[in-house]
């Protein structure tokens, strides 16, 4: 059966499942720096990070100005993006996150299939987008104060157990960015996980950009997430930048590709499945073996912010449907591709139709 046909056949199963996600939240200003302007309505943008970097370097010792084209103000954060991607596919999602407190910021207008529970003030990100990637500059002053004690004051342990016990996939995100989130996920592991029923569920973790964290902190986080495997099959998802940081800590020599570091992380951490998803491929090391799949690159992305989170939502949809690892990688890449191409989350049927581009491999 072709990949799109497998995904289509699993639709009713996927849409009958539930996912619970925690605990971040950001408000994003999406920005495209302007390179030249001809008139009020005509301008060109810096096409790549390199070209923008050259402009910034050229100003050293003399200063200068760069005009910014603010293309959108939208909700952000790994959790809300992943939740919205799944909800747009028809999955019942609960997203517990920092989306404004005590009142939810109206920018967090997620799909109606997603129940949102807000526990704190969000961070604010200024997302500079280019054709070959993005640079995110964030103000995390408020969300950085969020601690486990704050969360359980606003969502009791009993309530949290009920929300996560109902889930077929538990998704934990953004360990790297926020200083108290190691404590949050340690407490979640120690207090919530033992109280959950023994139903057949999975855990998906995305730690986000870990470049600013110290090697020993990253190693401790990997070991901690490996302990989640005592309660359910656990998956760790990383983009290429995150994988390269892991490689610098766990491996010797130059970075040689996704599978090499995926296997190293799996061996070090005890996490059952490690997934690496660069923009043009994806790979996984798992208990049954290893696999790498070449992806289809979107040449003219409309929006890259949230692309990795939508990979996560597509991959998790595959898991919900009982698909094999290769099919989950393809559903992840397809979901990310169509999000980046269109600039928004898409329905199950649109993703399924787009997935036909992998059927001829």
Protein backbone atom coordinates (compact mmCIF):
# COMPACT_ATOMS: atom_id res chain seq x y z
CA UNK A 1 0.00 0.00 0.00
CA UNK A 2 1.28 3.49 -0.84
CA UNK A 3 2.12 5.95 1.93
CA UNK A 4 -0.80 8.27 1.19
CA UNK A 5 -3.15 5.28 1.12
CA UNK A 6 -1.83 4.02 4.46
CA UNK A 7 -2.32 7.44 5.99
CA UNK A 8 -5.82 7.75 4.53
CA UNK A 9 -6.76 4.29 5.82
CA UNK A 10 -5.70 5.34 9.33
CA UNK A 11 -7.78 8.55 9.33
CA UNK A 12 -10.60 7.37 11.59
CA UNK A 13 -8.13 5.80 14.02
CA UNK A 14 -5.99 8.95 14.17
CA UNK A 15 -9.00 11.21 14.69
CA UNK A 16 -10.32 8.98 17.49
CA UNK A 17 -7.15 9.49 19.56
CA UNK A 18 -6.13 12.16 22.08
CA UNK A 19 -2.90 14.07 22.69
CA UNK A 20 -1.89 16.22 25.67
CA UNK A 21 0.97 18.72 25.28
CA UNK A 22 2.88 20.91 27.77
CA UNK A 23 4.11 23.49 28.77
CA UNK A 24 5.47 26.45 26.75
CA UNK A 25 3.94 29.34 24.80
CA UNK A 26 5.23 32.33 22.82
CA UNK A 27 3.89 35.27 20.87
CA UNK A 28 5.82 35.48 17.58
CA UNK A 29 6.49 38.51 15.43
CA UNK A 30 7.54 37.12 12.04
CA UNK A 31 10.00 39.46 10.32
CA UNK A 32 11.69 39.60 6.92
CA UNK A 33 14.58 42.09 6.83
CA UNK A 34 14.51 44.36 3.78
CA UNK A 35 17.58 44.58 1.54
CA UNK A 36 16.42 47.22 -0.96
CA UNK A 37 13.33 49.38 -1.42
CA UNK A 38 12.24 50.91 -4.72
CA UNK A 39 9.03 52.59 -3.58
CA UNK A 40 6.24 52.31 -1.02
CA UNK A 41 5.04 48.97 -2.36
CA UNK A 42 8.19 47.43 -3.84
CA UNK A 43 11.10 45.95 -1.90
CA UNK A 44 13.46 42.97 -1.86
CA UNK A 45 14.30 40.93 1.22
CA UNK A 46 17.59 39.42 2.30
CA UNK A 47 17.30 35.97 0.73
CA UNK A 48 19.54 34.00 3.10
CA UNK A 49 21.00 34.14 6.58
CA UNK A 50 24.46 34.52 5.03
CA UNK A 51 23.53 37.65 3.07
CA UNK A 52 21.92 39.22 6.12
CA UNK A 53 24.94 38.29 8.21
CA UNK A 54 27.26 39.97 5.70
CA UNK A 55 25.18 43.14 5.98
CA UNK A 56 25.43 43.13 9.78
CA UNK A 57 29.19 42.47 9.71
CA UNK A 58 29.67 45.31 7.23
CA UNK A 59 28.26 47.77 9.78
CA UNK A 60 30.90 46.99 12.43
CA UNK A 61 32.65 50.18 13.52
CA UNK A 62 30.24 52.52 11.75
CA UNK A 63 26.57 51.52 12.49
CA UNK A 64 23.63 51.51 10.09
CA UNK A 65 19.95 50.71 9.63
CA UNK A 66 17.91 47.72 8.44
CA UNK A 67 14.23 48.12 7.65
CA UNK A 68 12.01 45.29 8.91
CA UNK A 69 8.94 43.88 7.18
CA UNK A 70 6.76 42.48 9.98
CA UNK A 71 4.69 39.93 8.09
CA UNK A 72 2.69 38.49 10.98
CA UNK A 73 2.05 38.46 14.71
CA UNK A 74 0.95 34.99 15.70
CA UNK A 75 0.98 32.45 18.48
CA UNK A 76 4.19 30.50 18.86
CA UNK A 77 5.98 27.96 20.98
CA UNK A 78 6.66 24.30 20.32
CA UNK A 79 3.55 23.17 22.19
CA UNK A 80 0.94 25.46 20.61
CA UNK A 81 2.35 24.90 17.09
CA UNK A 82 2.35 21.11 17.47
CA UNK A 83 -1.09 21.16 19.11
CA UNK A 84 -2.57 23.27 16.32
CA UNK A 85 -1.10 21.00 13.66
CA UNK A 86 -2.69 17.92 15.21
CA UNK A 87 -5.98 19.71 15.89
CA UNK A 88 -6.20 20.78 12.24
CA UNK A 89 -5.92 17.08 11.34
CA UNK A 90 -8.97 16.36 13.50
CA UNK A 91 -7.15 15.05 16.58
CA UNK A 92 -8.54 15.91 20.01
CA UNK A 93 -5.73 17.86 21.73
CA UNK A 94 -5.24 19.46 25.13
CA UNK A 95 -2.48 22.08 25.23
CA UNK A 96 -1.37 23.22 28.69
CA UNK A 97 0.97 26.16 28.30
CA UNK A 98 2.08 29.73 28.94
CA UNK A 99 -0.51 31.54 26.88
CA UNK A 100 -1.29 34.49 29.16
CA UNK A 101 -2.29 34.56 32.81
CA UNK A 102 -4.81 34.88 34.30
CA UNK A 103 -6.48 35.58 30.95
CA UNK A 104 -5.39 33.87 27.75
CA UNK A 105 -3.83 36.18 25.16
CA UNK A 106 -6.26 36.27 22.19
CA UNK A 107 -3.41 35.57 19.77
CA UNK A 108 -3.62 31.92 20.89
CA UNK A 109 -6.59 31.20 18.65
CA UNK A 110 -5.84 27.53 18.09
CA UNK A 111 -8.09 25.20 16.14
CA UNK A 112 -11.36 24.35 17.89
CA UNK A 113 -10.25 20.73 18.31
CA UNK A 114 -7.62 21.96 20.80
CA UNK A 115 -8.53 22.69 24.40
CA UNK A 116 -6.14 25.34 25.78
CA UNK A 117 -5.29 25.66 29.46
CA UNK A 118 -3.10 28.63 30.28
CA UNK A 119 -0.64 28.57 33.19
CA UNK A 120 1.49 31.70 32.79
CA UNK A 121 2.66 34.60 30.69
CA UNK A 122 4.18 33.71 27.29
CA UNK A 123 7.57 34.56 25.94
CA UNK A 124 7.93 36.95 22.98
CA UNK A 125 9.95 35.99 19.92
CA UNK A 126 11.18 38.07 16.99
CA UNK A 127 11.53 35.57 14.17
CA UNK A 128 13.77 36.69 11.30
CA UNK A 129 12.85 34.47 8.33
CA UNK A 130 15.01 33.75 5.29
CA UNK A 131 14.90 31.31 2.41
CA UNK A 132 17.37 28.96 4.08
CA UNK A 133 16.21 29.15 7.69
CA UNK A 134 15.35 31.49 10.51
CA UNK A 135 16.96 33.34 13.41
CA UNK A 136 14.82 33.69 16.53
CA UNK A 137 15.53 36.39 19.11
CA UNK A 138 13.40 36.02 22.21
CA UNK A 139 12.32 37.94 25.27
CA UNK A 140 11.71 35.20 27.84
CA UNK A 141 11.66 37.39 30.95
CA UNK A 142 8.13 36.36 32.03
CA UNK A 143 7.95 32.73 30.91
CA UNK A 144 11.43 32.10 32.32
CA UNK A 145 10.00 32.54 35.82
CA UNK A 146 7.54 29.67 35.38
CA UNK A 147 8.23 26.87 37.87
CA UNK A 148 6.59 23.58 38.77
CA UNK A 149 5.04 25.22 41.85
CA UNK A 150 3.35 27.82 39.60
CA UNK A 151 2.00 25.17 37.25
CA UNK A 152 0.41 22.99 39.95
CA UNK A 153 -1.04 26.08 41.62
CA UNK A 154 -2.97 26.73 38.40
CA UNK A 155 -3.56 23.13 37.29
CA UNK A 156 -3.62 20.80 40.29
CA UNK A 157 -1.72 17.52 40.22
CA UNK A 158 -5.03 15.63 40.19
CA UNK A 159 -6.23 17.67 37.18
CA UNK A 160 -2.92 17.18 35.41
CA UNK A 161 -3.05 13.44 35.99
CA UNK A 162 -6.56 13.37 34.51
CA UNK A 163 -5.56 15.36 31.40
CA UNK A 164 -2.45 13.32 30.65
CA UNK A 165 -4.01 9.97 31.58
CA UNK A 166 -6.60 10.55 28.87
CA UNK A 167 -3.88 10.98 26.22
CA UNK A 168 -2.67 8.40 23.72
CA UNK A 169 0.46 10.53 23.22
CA UNK A 170 2.03 12.76 25.86
CA UNK A 171 4.14 15.50 24.29
CA UNK A 172 6.70 17.48 26.30
CA UNK A 173 8.49 20.40 24.67
CA UNK A 174 11.04 23.17 25.05
CA UNK A 175 13.25 21.84 27.85
CA UNK A 176 16.21 23.83 26.46
CA UNK A 177 14.86 27.32 26.39
CA UNK A 178 13.54 27.87 29.88
CA UNK A 179 15.73 27.62 32.97
CA UNK A 180 13.19 25.92 35.26
CA UNK A 181 11.91 23.36 32.76
CA UNK A 182 14.39 20.69 33.85
CA UNK A 183 12.77 20.86 37.28
CA UNK A 184 9.31 20.84 35.65
CA UNK A 185 10.00 17.65 33.72
CA UNK A 186 11.75 15.99 36.67
CA UNK A 187 8.68 16.68 38.81
CA UNK A 188 6.37 15.52 36.02
CA UNK A 189 8.35 12.28 35.83
CA UNK A 190 8.35 11.76 39.60
CA UNK A 191 4.81 12.90 40.44
CA UNK A 192 2.55 12.55 37.39
CA UNK A 193 3.90 9.59 35.42
CA UNK A 194 3.58 7.01 38.25
CA UNK A 195 -0.08 7.93 38.72
CA UNK A 196 -1.08 7.33 35.10
CA UNK A 197 -2.93 4.19 34.08
CA UNK A 198 -1.12 1.46 32.15
CA UNK A 199 -2.95 2.16 28.87
CA UNK A 200 -1.06 1.85 25.59
CA UNK A 201 0.39 5.33 25.15
CA UNK A 202 3.55 6.98 23.83
CA UNK A 203 5.69 9.93 24.90
CA UNK A 204 7.13 12.38 22.37
CA UNK A 205 9.76 14.91 23.50
CA UNK A 206 11.13 17.93 21.66
CA UNK A 207 13.77 19.76 23.70
CA UNK A 208 14.15 22.72 21.25
CA UNK A 209 17.35 24.64 20.50
CA UNK A 210 19.84 23.52 23.15
CA UNK A 211 22.90 25.53 22.00
CA UNK A 212 22.92 27.79 25.05
CA UNK A 213 22.78 24.94 27.58
CA UNK A 214 25.90 23.44 29.13
CA UNK A 215 27.02 19.93 28.09
CA UNK A 216 26.41 18.46 31.54
CA UNK A 217 22.89 19.92 31.60
CA UNK A 218 22.13 18.35 28.22
CA UNK A 219 23.50 14.99 29.32
CA UNK A 220 21.36 15.14 32.48
CA UNK A 221 18.27 15.94 30.41
CA UNK A 222 18.92 13.02 28.05
CA UNK A 223 19.28 10.63 30.98
CA UNK A 224 16.10 12.01 32.55
CA UNK A 225 14.11 11.58 29.35
CA UNK A 226 15.46 8.06 29.06
CA UNK A 227 13.77 7.34 32.40
CA UNK A 228 10.41 8.19 30.82
CA UNK A 229 10.82 4.96 28.86
CA UNK A 230 10.05 3.08 32.09
CA UNK A 231 6.44 4.21 31.67
CA UNK A 232 5.85 4.22 27.91
CA UNK A 233 7.70 4.00 24.58
CA UNK A 234 9.53 7.32 24.32
CA UNK A 235 10.52 9.32 21.22
CA UNK A 236 12.93 12.26 21.04
CA UNK A 237 12.77 14.62 18.05
CA UNK A 238 15.61 16.96 17.02
CA UNK A 239 16.31 19.25 14.09
CA UNK A 240 19.76 19.39 12.50
CA UNK A 241 21.04 22.28 14.65
CA UNK A 242 20.03 20.47 17.84
CA UNK A 243 21.54 17.23 16.56
CA UNK A 244 24.85 18.98 15.85
CA UNK A 245 24.97 20.28 19.43
CA UNK A 246 24.37 16.74 20.67
CA UNK A 247 27.12 15.48 18.37
CA UNK A 248 29.62 17.95 19.81
CA UNK A 249 28.87 16.57 23.28
CA UNK A 250 28.51 12.84 22.65
CA UNK A 251 30.71 12.11 19.63
CA UNK A 252 34.24 12.69 18.40
CA UNK A 253 35.21 14.08 15.00
CA UNK A 254 33.06 15.92 12.49
CA UNK A 255 29.30 15.65 12.20
CA UNK A 256 28.69 12.90 9.66
CA UNK A 257 24.92 12.75 9.43
CA UNK A 258 21.65 12.10 11.16
CA UNK A 259 21.84 8.38 11.79
CA UNK A 260 25.24 8.51 13.46
CA UNK A 261 24.13 10.98 16.12
CA UNK A 262 20.65 9.42 16.47
CA UNK A 263 22.29 6.11 17.41
CA UNK A 264 24.70 7.83 19.80
CA UNK A 265 21.86 9.65 21.59
CA UNK A 266 19.80 6.47 21.83
CA UNK A 267 22.70 4.52 23.29
CA UNK A 268 23.59 7.26 25.80
CA UNK A 269 20.05 8.10 26.96
CA UNK A 270 18.07 4.89 26.82
CA UNK A 271 15.34 6.65 24.84
CA UNK A 272 13.61 4.08 22.64
CA UNK A 273 13.47 6.07 19.40
CA UNK A 274 15.54 9.11 18.38
CA UNK A 275 14.33 11.07 15.35
CA UNK A 276 16.44 13.66 13.49
CA UNK A 277 14.66 15.87 10.96
CA UNK A 278 16.78 18.28 8.88
CA UNK A 279 14.82 20.30 6.33
CA UNK A 280 15.56 17.88 3.46
CA UNK A 281 15.42 14.43 5.11
CA UNK A 282 14.64 12.56 8.30
CA UNK A 283 16.12 9.60 10.13
CA UNK A 284 15.42 7.45 13.15
CA UNK A 285 17.32 5.03 15.35
CA UNK A 286 14.87 2.76 17.15
CA UNK A 287 14.73 -0.57 18.95
CA UNK A 288 14.01 -2.42 15.72
CA UNK A 289 16.83 -0.84 13.71
CA UNK A 290 17.51 2.39 11.87
CA UNK A 291 16.24 4.21 8.80
CA UNK A 292 16.84 7.40 6.83
CA UNK A 293 14.43 8.88 4.29
CA UNK A 294 15.20 11.58 1.75
CA UNK A 295 12.69 14.41 1.93
CA UNK A 296 11.34 16.85 -0.62
CA UNK A 297 12.59 20.39 0.02
CA UNK A 298 10.20 23.33 -0.27
CA UNK A 299 12.09 25.74 -2.52
CA UNK A 300 10.03 28.86 -1.74
CA UNK A 301 8.86 28.60 1.87
CA UNK A 302 6.09 30.96 2.88
CA UNK A 303 6.64 30.42 6.61
CA UNK A 304 9.35 28.37 8.31
CA UNK A 305 8.52 29.17 11.94
CA UNK A 306 6.67 26.13 13.24
CA UNK A 307 7.95 23.84 10.50
CA UNK A 308 9.70 21.51 12.93
CA UNK A 309 6.71 21.52 15.28
CA UNK A 310 4.48 20.52 12.39
CA UNK A 311 6.91 17.71 11.59
CA UNK A 312 6.26 16.58 15.17
CA UNK A 313 2.49 16.77 14.68
CA UNK A 314 2.69 14.73 11.47
CA UNK A 315 4.99 12.16 13.03
CA UNK A 316 2.71 11.86 16.06
CA UNK A 317 -0.31 11.45 13.76
CA UNK A 318 1.47 8.49 12.19
CA UNK A 319 2.09 7.02 15.64
CA UNK A 320 -1.58 7.50 16.53
CA UNK A 321 -2.51 5.60 13.37
CA UNK A 322 -0.22 2.68 14.20
CA UNK A 323 2.04 3.30 11.19
CA UNK A 324 5.63 2.04 11.01
CA UNK A 325 8.59 4.36 11.63
CA UNK A 326 9.27 5.05 7.94
CA UNK A 327 5.64 6.01 7.35
CA UNK A 328 5.72 8.24 10.46
CA UNK A 329 8.80 10.02 9.11
CA UNK A 330 7.02 10.57 5.79
CA UNK A 331 3.84 11.85 7.46
CA UNK A 332 6.04 14.20 9.52
CA UNK A 333 7.94 15.52 6.51
CA UNK A 334 4.75 15.93 4.49
CA UNK A 335 3.00 17.84 7.27
CA UNK A 336 6.01 20.12 7.67
CA UNK A 337 6.38 20.62 3.89
CA UNK A 338 2.79 21.67 3.32
CA UNK A 339 2.84 23.95 6.39
CA UNK A 340 6.03 25.70 5.21
CA UNK A 341 4.68 25.96 1.65
CA UNK A 342 1.26 27.36 2.57
CA UNK A 343 2.21 29.27 5.71
CA UNK A 344 -0.44 27.62 7.90
CA UNK A 345 -1.59 24.27 9.29
CA UNK A 346 -3.55 22.06 6.94
CA UNK A 347 -6.36 19.54 7.12
CA UNK A 348 -5.89 15.78 7.19
CA UNK A 349 -7.11 15.46 3.60
CA UNK A 350 -4.74 18.14 2.27
CA UNK A 351 -1.79 16.46 4.00
CA UNK A 352 -2.88 13.06 2.71
CA UNK A 353 -3.16 14.35 -0.85
CA UNK A 354 0.26 16.04 -0.62
CA UNK A 355 1.77 12.79 0.66
CA UNK A 356 1.29 11.31 -2.79
CA UNK A 357 4.61 12.94 -3.74
CA UNK A 358 6.31 10.15 -1.74
CA UNK A 359 4.30 7.31 -3.31
CA UNK A 360 6.56 6.98 -6.33
CA UNK A 361 9.81 6.36 -4.42
